[in-house]
Amino acid sequence: MADDAITDAMEGVEEAPAEIDQPLFTEQEQRVLDLYARMEELQLNIALLKSQGTLSQGRVTSSLARFLTLTYPDENANVTEEDIKAAQQGLLEAKTAYQLRNDIVESVLIANPILKAVHAGSNASTAEQDLLPLLEQRDTLSVTLADLSRKVLNAKKELIKVETENVNTNRQNAELAAQMISLAKDADTQKRDNMSRKAQKDLAEMDQKVKSIRQTWRIMKGTASGTIVGSGVDWARDPELLEIVLDNDEAGDG
């Protein structure tokens, strides 16, 4: 009898409905998005209809003037080059205004969910709560990117500093080598007749080494100049870097 009572009681209990997932957008948000999509579609249709129109009141619509002039020169002989240029300028201004407006609208549509995801807390919708980890990940990646960019810039500056020191050192070596050549030439003029064959051979070897050093300096200078120019650093404002890049290699040719 107790079992019958339990059975009767259970018959009166309805099965609890399964929990319904909360929609991604509220009804108002979904309506705004639908209206925005509809507005974009209407604007596209309007643009297509305008492109099929003709000249009116002596004005041209966007780039249609060029098309009509080239396709039907006899029928549109009154379209001047100034009209075409004015139409092109108007087209650019219209495209710019259109793009700017779309960017503003998209920014407004994006900003509201982001603000809710960050500040609404437990009152945020499911979609907004799911958005929060992605925003945090985006911020983390932005900080990481900024840090890496700073390190890359510092590395470039350090590289340029080392290259500058290297070029200066090589320039000094080239100047010393030029002086050595000059002294060697003077000595050669005065003493070549009195030199032994061994001394002449040593002098020739020294000349060859000096030429090799000078050639190496030219190569390293060219490499350093290319590195400085390609680094993106404003070398024109740095006297040392400017001298390296624009050096006419007088020291190496001395």
Foldseek 3Di string as FASTA:
>chain_A
DVVVVVVVVVVPDDDDDDDDADDLDDPVLVVVVVVVVVVVVVVVVVVVVLLPDDDDPLADAAQSLVVCCVVPVVVPVVCDPVRNVVNPVVNVVVVVVVVVVVVVVVCVSVVVLQCCLVPVPPNRGPNSVVVNVVVVVVVVVVVVVVVVVVVLVVVLVVVLVVLLVVLVVLLVVLLVLVVVVVVLVVCCVVCVVVDDPVVVVVSVVSVVVSLVSLVVSVVSLVVSLVSVVPVPDPQVVPVSNVCSNPPPSPSSVD
